[in-house]
Amino acid sequence: MTTMLRLVIVATTFLLMTLTGAARADVLFITGGTGADERADLQAKEKDYNLKIVVAATSGDYVADVWVVIESAAKKSVLETKMDGPILLAKLPQGTYTIKATYGPSTQTKSVNVPAQGLREAAFRWPVAR
């Protein structure tokens, strides 16, 4: 019984970490930007990152709750998270990555070359806001 209880606790913890985005590779990142002050704060931090992802509706309105998966050229997932706002900044090793962004039922995919220095931006837009 004790072993079974431990297994249930471990499985539940893993599931919660995965669903909340807490189970991530060693990638430094931040996400947010739901208000003007938060966007300004993120903009001030851009120099510390080399990838910026921005998500919005085609109307220009920002969206949130976008699920992002970043994969290396070797198809290894390096980051999976749900964006808390329209902006995600990440510090990745130099290389080519595939970004999959899912908003509602629609997934968009882009390939980006992330530099060692400087900032690469990837923008995703969906036809309508939910």
N, C-alpha and C. Protein backbone atom coordinates (compact mmCIF):
# COMPACT_ATOMS: atom_id res chain seq x y z
N MET A 1 0.82 -1.19 0.00
CA MET A 1 0.00 0.00 0.00
C MET A 1 0.86 1.26 0.00
N THR A 2 1.90 1.26 0.82
CA THR A 2 2.78 2.42 0.89
C THR A 2 3.47 2.67 -0.44
N THR A 3 3.93 1.63 -1.10
CA THR A 3 4.57 1.77 -2.41
C THR A 3 3.58 2.31 -3.43
N MET A 4 2.37 1.83 -3.39
CA MET A 4 1.34 2.30 -4.32
C MET A 4 1.05 3.78 -4.08
N LEU A 5 0.96 4.18 -2.82
CA LEU A 5 0.71 5.58 -2.48
C LEU A 5 1.85 6.47 -2.99
N ARG A 6 3.06 6.03 -2.84
CA ARG A 6 4.22 6.79 -3.33
C ARG A 6 4.16 6.94 -4.85
N LEU A 7 3.80 5.86 -5.55
CA LEU A 7 3.70 5.93 -7.00
C LEU A 7 2.62 6.92 -7.44
N VAL A 8 1.51 6.93 -6.74
CA VAL A 8 0.42 7.86 -7.06
C VAL A 8 0.88 9.30 -6.83
N ILE A 9 1.59 9.55 -5.74
CA ILE A 9 2.08 10.89 -5.44
C ILE A 9 3.08 11.34 -6.51
N VAL A 10 4.00 10.47 -6.88
CA VAL A 10 4.99 10.81 -7.91
C VAL A 10 4.31 11.08 -9.24
N ALA A 11 3.37 10.22 -9.63
CA ALA A 11 2.68 10.39 -10.90
C ALA A 11 1.86 11.68 -10.91
N THR A 12 1.19 11.98 -9.81
CA THR A 12 0.39 13.21 -9.71
C THR A 12 1.29 14.44 -9.78
N THR A 13 2.40 14.42 -9.08
CA THR A 13 3.34 15.55 -9.12
C THR A 13 3.87 15.77 -10.52
N PHE A 14 4.25 14.69 -11.19
CA PHE A 14 4.74 14.81 -12.57
C PHE A 14 3.67 15.40 -13.49
N LEU A 15 2.46 14.91 -13.36
CA LEU A 15 1.36 15.41 -14.18
C LEU A 15 1.12 16.89 -13.94
N LEU A 16 1.09 17.30 -12.69
CA LEU A 16 0.88 18.72 -12.38
C LEU A 16 2.02 19.59 -12.91
N MET A 17 3.24 19.12 -12.78
CA MET A 17 4.38 19.88 -13.30
C MET A 17 4.28 20.01 -14.82
N THR A 18 3.89 18.97 -15.49
CA THR A 18 3.76 19.00 -16.94
C THR A 18 2.64 19.93 -17.37
N LEU A 19 1.49 19.84 -16.73
CA LEU A 19 0.36 20.67 -17.10
C LEU A 19 0.59 22.14 -16.82
N THR A 20 1.35 22.47 -15.79
CA THR A 20 1.61 23.87 -15.46
C THR A 20 2.84 24.40 -16.18
N GLY A 21 3.54 23.55 -16.92
CA GLY A 21 4.72 24.00 -17.63
C GLY A 21 5.97 23.98 -16.77
N ALA A 22 5.91 23.41 -15.59
CA ALA A 22 7.06 23.43 -14.70
C ALA A 22 8.13 22.44 -15.12
N ALA A 23 7.77 21.43 -15.92
CA ALA A 23 8.76 20.46 -16.38
C ALA A 23 9.34 20.97 -17.69
N ARG A 24 10.50 21.58 -17.61
CA ARG A 24 11.11 22.22 -18.77
C ARG A 24 12.58 21.86 -18.84
N ALA A 25 13.13 22.01 -20.01
CA ALA A 25 14.56 21.83 -20.16
C ALA A 25 15.26 23.01 -19.49
N ASP A 26 16.58 22.98 -19.46
CA ASP A 26 17.33 24.07 -18.83
C ASP A 26 17.42 25.27 -19.75
N VAL A 27 16.28 25.86 -20.06
CA VAL A 27 16.21 27.03 -20.92
C VAL A 27 15.73 28.20 -20.07
N LEU A 28 16.51 29.24 -20.03
CA LEU A 28 16.11 30.45 -19.32
C LEU A 28 15.07 31.17 -20.16
N PHE A 29 13.89 31.45 -19.56
CA PHE A 29 12.86 32.15 -20.31
C PHE A 29 11.93 32.88 -19.35
N ILE A 30 11.23 33.86 -19.90
CA ILE A 30 10.18 34.56 -19.19
C ILE A 30 9.04 34.80 -20.17
N THR A 31 7.84 34.92 -19.65
CA THR A 31 6.68 35.16 -20.48
C THR A 31 5.73 36.09 -19.76
N GLY A 32 4.99 36.86 -20.52
CA GLY A 32 4.05 37.81 -19.93
C GLY A 32 3.72 38.90 -20.93
N GLY A 33 3.56 40.13 -20.42
CA GLY A 33 3.27 41.27 -21.28
C GLY A 33 1.80 41.59 -21.41
N THR A 34 1.00 41.24 -20.39
CA THR A 34 -0.43 41.48 -20.50
C THR A 34 -0.81 42.95 -20.31
N GLY A 35 0.05 43.74 -19.72
CA GLY A 35 -0.21 45.17 -19.56
C GLY A 35 0.97 45.98 -20.08
N ALA A 36 0.78 47.27 -20.24
CA ALA A 36 1.82 48.14 -20.78
C ALA A 36 3.08 48.13 -19.91
N ASP A 37 2.91 48.15 -18.59
CA ASP A 37 4.07 48.13 -17.70
C ASP A 37 4.85 46.82 -17.82
N GLU A 38 4.12 45.72 -17.91
CA GLU A 38 4.76 44.41 -18.05
C GLU A 38 5.50 44.30 -19.38
N ARG A 39 4.89 44.84 -20.45
CA ARG A 39 5.56 44.82 -21.76
C ARG A 39 6.83 45.66 -21.72
N ALA A 40 6.79 46.80 -21.06
CA ALA A 40 7.97 47.66 -20.94
C ALA A 40 9.07 46.94 -20.16
N ASP A 41 8.67 46.23 -19.10
CA ASP A 41 9.64 45.47 -18.31
C ASP A 41 10.31 44.38 -19.16
N LEU A 42 9.51 43.68 -19.95
CA LEU A 42 10.07 42.64 -20.82
C LEU A 42 10.98 43.25 -21.89
N GLN A 43 10.57 44.39 -22.44
CA GLN A 43 11.40 45.05 -23.44
C GLN A 43 12.77 45.42 -22.86
N ALA A 44 12.80 45.85 -21.62
CA ALA A 44 14.06 46.20 -20.96
C ALA A 44 14.94 44.97 -20.76
N LYS A 45 14.36 43.79 -20.69
CA LYS A 45 15.11 42.55 -20.47
C LYS A 45 15.52 41.85 -21.76
N GLU A 46 15.08 42.35 -22.91
CA GLU A 46 15.35 41.68 -24.18
C GLU A 46 16.84 41.44 -24.43
N LYS A 47 17.69 42.32 -23.94
CA LYS A 47 19.14 42.21 -24.19
C LYS A 47 19.74 40.94 -23.58
N ASP A 48 19.03 40.35 -22.62
CA ASP A 48 19.52 39.14 -21.96
C ASP A 48 19.07 37.85 -22.63
N TYR A 49 18.31 37.97 -23.72
CA TYR A 49 17.74 36.81 -24.41
C TYR A 49 18.05 36.88 -25.90
N ASN A 50 17.90 35.75 -26.60
CA ASN A 50 18.17 35.76 -28.04
C ASN A 50 16.98 35.29 -28.88
N LEU A 51 15.84 35.01 -28.24
CA LEU A 51 14.63 34.67 -28.98
C LEU A 51 13.45 35.38 -28.34
N LYS A 52 12.64 36.02 -29.18
CA LYS A 52 11.42 36.68 -28.72
C LYS A 52 10.26 36.13 -29.55
N ILE A 53 9.25 35.64 -28.88
CA ILE A 53 8.04 35.16 -29.54
C ILE A 53 6.90 36.11 -29.16
N VAL A 54 6.19 36.59 -30.17
CA VAL A 54 5.05 37.48 -29.94
C VAL A 54 3.83 36.83 -30.58
N VAL A 55 2.72 36.78 -29.83
CA VAL A 55 1.49 36.17 -30.34
C VAL A 55 0.36 37.18 -30.30
N ALA A 56 -0.43 37.20 -31.39
CA ALA A 56 -1.53 38.17 -31.49
C ALA A 56 -2.56 37.68 -32.49
N ALA A 57 -3.71 38.33 -32.45
CA ALA A 57 -4.74 38.11 -33.47
C ALA A 57 -4.36 38.97 -34.68
N THR A 58 -4.90 38.65 -35.85
CA THR A 58 -4.61 39.45 -37.04
C THR A 58 -5.11 40.88 -36.88
N SER A 59 -6.03 41.10 -35.96
CA SER A 59 -6.53 42.46 -35.68
C SER A 59 -5.47 43.29 -34.97
N GLY A 60 -4.43 42.63 -34.46
CA GLY A 60 -3.39 43.33 -33.70
C GLY A 60 -3.54 43.16 -32.21
N ASP A 61 -4.69 42.68 -31.76
CA ASP A 61 -4.90 42.45 -30.34
C ASP A 61 -4.01 41.29 -29.87
N TYR A 62 -3.35 41.51 -28.75
CA TYR A 62 -2.53 40.45 -28.19
C TYR A 62 -3.40 39.31 -27.68
N VAL A 63 -2.84 38.11 -27.69
CA VAL A 63 -3.52 36.95 -27.12
C VAL A 63 -2.61 36.33 -26.07
N ALA A 64 -3.19 35.50 -25.24
CA ALA A 64 -2.43 34.78 -24.22
C ALA A 64 -2.90 33.33 -24.25
N ASP A 65 -2.39 32.55 -23.34
CA ASP A 65 -2.75 31.13 -23.24
C ASP A 65 -2.40 30.36 -24.51
N VAL A 66 -1.29 30.74 -25.12
CA VAL A 66 -0.78 30.04 -26.30
C VAL A 66 0.22 29.00 -25.81
N TRP A 67 0.06 27.77 -26.27
CA TRP A 67 0.98 26.68 -25.91
C TRP A 67 2.13 26.70 -26.91
N VAL A 68 3.35 26.79 -26.42
CA VAL A 68 4.53 26.87 -27.28
C VAL A 68 5.44 25.68 -27.03
N VAL A 69 5.88 25.06 -28.13
CA VAL A 69 6.87 23.99 -28.08
C VAL A 69 8.03 24.41 -28.98
N ILE A 70 9.23 24.41 -28.42
CA ILE A 70 10.43 24.74 -29.20
C ILE A 70 11.26 23.48 -29.30
N GLU A 71 11.58 23.10 -30.54
CA GLU A 71 12.38 21.89 -30.78
C GLU A 71 13.69 22.26 -31.44
N SER A 72 14.74 21.54 -31.08
CA SER A 72 16.05 21.72 -31.71
C SER A 72 16.05 21.12 -33.11
N ALA A 73 17.13 21.35 -33.85
CA ALA A 73 17.25 20.78 -35.19
C ALA A 73 17.22 19.24 -35.14
N ALA A 74 17.60 18.68 -33.99
CA ALA A 74 17.58 17.22 -33.81
C ALA A 74 16.20 16.73 -33.37
N LYS A 75 15.19 17.61 -33.43
CA LYS A 75 13.80 17.29 -33.07
C LYS A 75 13.62 16.99 -31.59
N LYS A 76 14.54 17.51 -30.76
CA LYS A 76 14.44 17.34 -29.31
C LYS A 76 13.73 18.56 -28.74
N SER A 77 12.71 18.32 -27.93
CA SER A 77 11.99 19.42 -27.29
C SER A 77 12.90 20.09 -26.26
N VAL A 78 13.09 21.40 -26.41
CA VAL A 78 13.93 22.13 -25.46
C VAL A 78 13.10 23.02 -24.54
N LEU A 79 11.86 23.32 -24.94
CA LEU A 79 10.98 24.12 -24.11
C LEU A 79 9.53 23.86 -24.49
N GLU A 80 8.70 23.60 -23.50
CA GLU A 80 7.26 23.46 -23.69
C GLU A 80 6.61 24.25 -22.57
N THR A 81 5.81 25.25 -22.93
CA THR A 81 5.16 26.06 -21.91
C THR A 81 3.93 26.73 -22.46
N LYS A 82 3.08 27.16 -21.57
CA LYS A 82 1.91 27.95 -21.91
C LYS A 82 2.26 29.40 -21.62
N MET A 83 2.11 30.27 -22.61
CA MET A 83 2.48 31.67 -22.44
C MET A 83 1.46 32.38 -21.54
N ASP A 84 1.98 33.15 -20.58
CA ASP A 84 1.14 33.91 -19.65
C ASP A 84 0.65 35.21 -20.27
N GLY A 85 1.21 35.58 -21.39
CA GLY A 85 0.85 36.82 -22.07
C GLY A 85 1.29 36.71 -23.51
N PRO A 86 1.36 37.82 -24.22
CA PRO A 86 1.68 37.78 -25.64
C PRO A 86 3.16 37.69 -25.98
N ILE A 87 4.03 37.73 -24.97
CA ILE A 87 5.47 37.76 -25.24
C ILE A 87 6.18 36.66 -24.45
N LEU A 88 7.11 36.00 -25.14
CA LEU A 88 7.99 35.04 -24.49
C LEU A 88 9.41 35.38 -24.91
N LEU A 89 10.31 35.49 -23.94
CA LEU A 89 11.73 35.69 -24.21
C LEU A 89 12.46 34.45 -23.73
N ALA A 90 13.37 33.93 -24.56
CA ALA A 90 14.13 32.73 -24.20
C ALA A 90 15.59 32.92 -24.55
N LYS A 91 16.46 32.27 -23.78
CA LYS A 91 17.89 32.25 -24.04
C LYS A 91 18.24 30.82 -24.43
N LEU A 92 18.50 30.64 -25.74
CA LEU A 92 18.79 29.32 -26.28
C LEU A 92 20.22 29.27 -26.82
N PRO A 93 20.81 28.10 -26.89
CA PRO A 93 22.09 27.98 -27.59
C PRO A 93 21.89 28.34 -29.06
N GLN A 94 22.92 28.88 -29.67
CA GLN A 94 22.85 29.22 -31.10
C GLN A 94 22.45 28.00 -31.90
N GLY A 95 21.56 28.20 -32.88
CA GLY A 95 21.14 27.08 -33.71
C GLY A 95 19.81 27.31 -34.38
N THR A 96 19.36 26.28 -35.07
CA THR A 96 18.07 26.32 -35.76
C THR A 96 17.04 25.59 -34.92
N TYR A 97 15.89 26.22 -34.76
CA TYR A 97 14.82 25.66 -33.94
C TYR A 97 13.50 25.72 -34.69
N THR A 98 12.61 24.81 -34.34
CA THR A 98 11.24 24.84 -34.84
C THR A 98 10.35 25.24 -33.67
N ILE A 99 9.51 26.24 -33.91
CA ILE A 99 8.57 26.71 -32.89
C ILE A 99 7.17 26.32 -33.34
N LYS A 100 6.45 25.64 -32.46
CA LYS A 100 5.05 25.31 -32.70
C LYS A 100 4.23 26.08 -31.68
N ALA A 101 3.34 26.93 -32.17
CA ALA A 101 2.49 27.73 -31.30
C ALA A 101 1.04 27.34 -31.54
N THR A 102 0.34 26.98 -30.47
CA THR A 102 -1.04 26.54 -30.58
C THR A 102 -1.94 27.48 -29.80
N TYR A 103 -2.92 28.03 -30.52
CA TYR A 103 -3.93 28.89 -29.93
C TYR A 103 -5.29 28.33 -30.30
N GLY A 104 -6.03 27.91 -29.29
CA GLY A 104 -7.30 27.23 -29.58
C GLY A 104 -7.01 25.96 -30.37
N PRO A 105 -7.75 25.73 -31.45
CA PRO A 105 -7.55 24.51 -32.23
C PRO A 105 -6.46 24.64 -33.30
N SER A 106 -5.87 25.82 -33.44
CA SER A 106 -4.95 26.08 -34.55
C SER A 106 -3.49 26.10 -34.10
N THR A 107 -2.66 25.32 -34.79
CA THR A 107 -1.22 25.29 -34.52
C THR A 107 -0.48 25.86 -35.72
N GLN A 108 0.45 26.78 -35.45
CA GLN A 108 1.31 27.33 -36.49
C GLN A 108 2.74 26.92 -36.18
N THR A 109 3.53 26.72 -37.23
CA THR A 109 4.91 26.28 -37.08
C THR A 109 5.83 27.22 -37.84
N LYS A 110 6.94 27.58 -37.20
CA LYS A 110 7.97 28.41 -37.84
C LYS A 110 9.34 27.87 -37.49
N SER A 111 10.24 28.01 -38.44
CA SER A 111 11.64 27.66 -38.20
C SER A 111 12.43 28.96 -38.03
N VAL A 112 13.29 29.00 -37.02
CA VAL A 112 14.09 30.20 -36.78
C VAL A 112 15.54 29.83 -36.56
N ASN A 113 16.42 30.71 -36.99
CA ASN A 113 17.85 30.58 -36.70
C ASN A 113 18.16 31.53 -35.56
N VAL A 114 18.48 30.99 -34.42
CA VAL A 114 18.74 31.79 -33.23
C VAL A 114 20.23 32.10 -33.16
N PRO A 115 20.57 33.39 -33.08
CA PRO A 115 21.98 33.77 -33.03
C PRO A 115 22.56 33.62 -31.62
N ALA A 116 23.87 33.57 -31.53
CA ALA A 116 24.53 33.55 -30.23
C ALA A 116 24.35 34.91 -29.55
N GLN A 117 24.43 35.97 -30.34
CA GLN A 117 24.24 37.34 -29.85
C GLN A 117 23.12 37.98 -30.64
N GLY A 118 22.41 38.89 -30.02
CA GLY A 118 21.32 39.57 -30.71
C GLY A 118 20.00 38.86 -30.44
N LEU A 119 18.94 39.42 -31.00
CA LEU A 119 17.60 38.92 -30.72
C LEU A 119 16.89 38.56 -32.01
N ARG A 120 16.41 37.33 -32.11
CA ARG A 120 15.59 36.87 -33.23
C ARG A 120 14.14 36.89 -32.77
N GLU A 121 13.27 37.45 -33.61
CA GLU A 121 11.85 37.51 -33.25
C GLU A 121 11.03 36.62 -34.16
N ALA A 122 10.08 35.92 -33.56
CA ALA A 122 9.12 35.10 -34.30
C ALA A 122 7.73 35.55 -33.89
N ALA A 123 6.94 35.98 -34.87
CA ALA A 123 5.59 36.46 -34.59
C ALA A 123 4.57 35.47 -35.14
N PHE A 124 3.56 35.22 -34.34
CA PHE A 124 2.47 34.33 -34.74
C PHE A 124 1.17 35.12 -34.65
N ARG A 125 0.33 34.98 -35.68
CA ARG A 125 -0.96 35.69 -35.70
C ARG A 125 -2.06 34.73 -36.11
N TRP A 126 -3.20 34.86 -35.43
CA TRP A 126 -4.35 34.02 -35.71
C TRP A 126 -5.48 34.90 -36.22
N PRO A 127 -6.32 34.38 -37.13
CA PRO A 127 -7.36 35.18 -37.76
C PRO A 127 -8.33 35.88 -36.81
N VAL A 128 -8.70 35.25 -35.74
CA VAL A 128 -9.65 35.88 -34.81
C VAL A 128 -9.24 35.57 -33.39
N ALA A 129 -9.55 36.48 -32.50
CA ALA A 129 -9.32 36.21 -31.09
C ALA A 129 -10.47 35.39 -30.54
N ARG A 130 -10.16 34.51 -29.61
CA ARG A 130 -11.21 33.69 -29.00
C ARG A 130 -12.06 34.53 -28.09
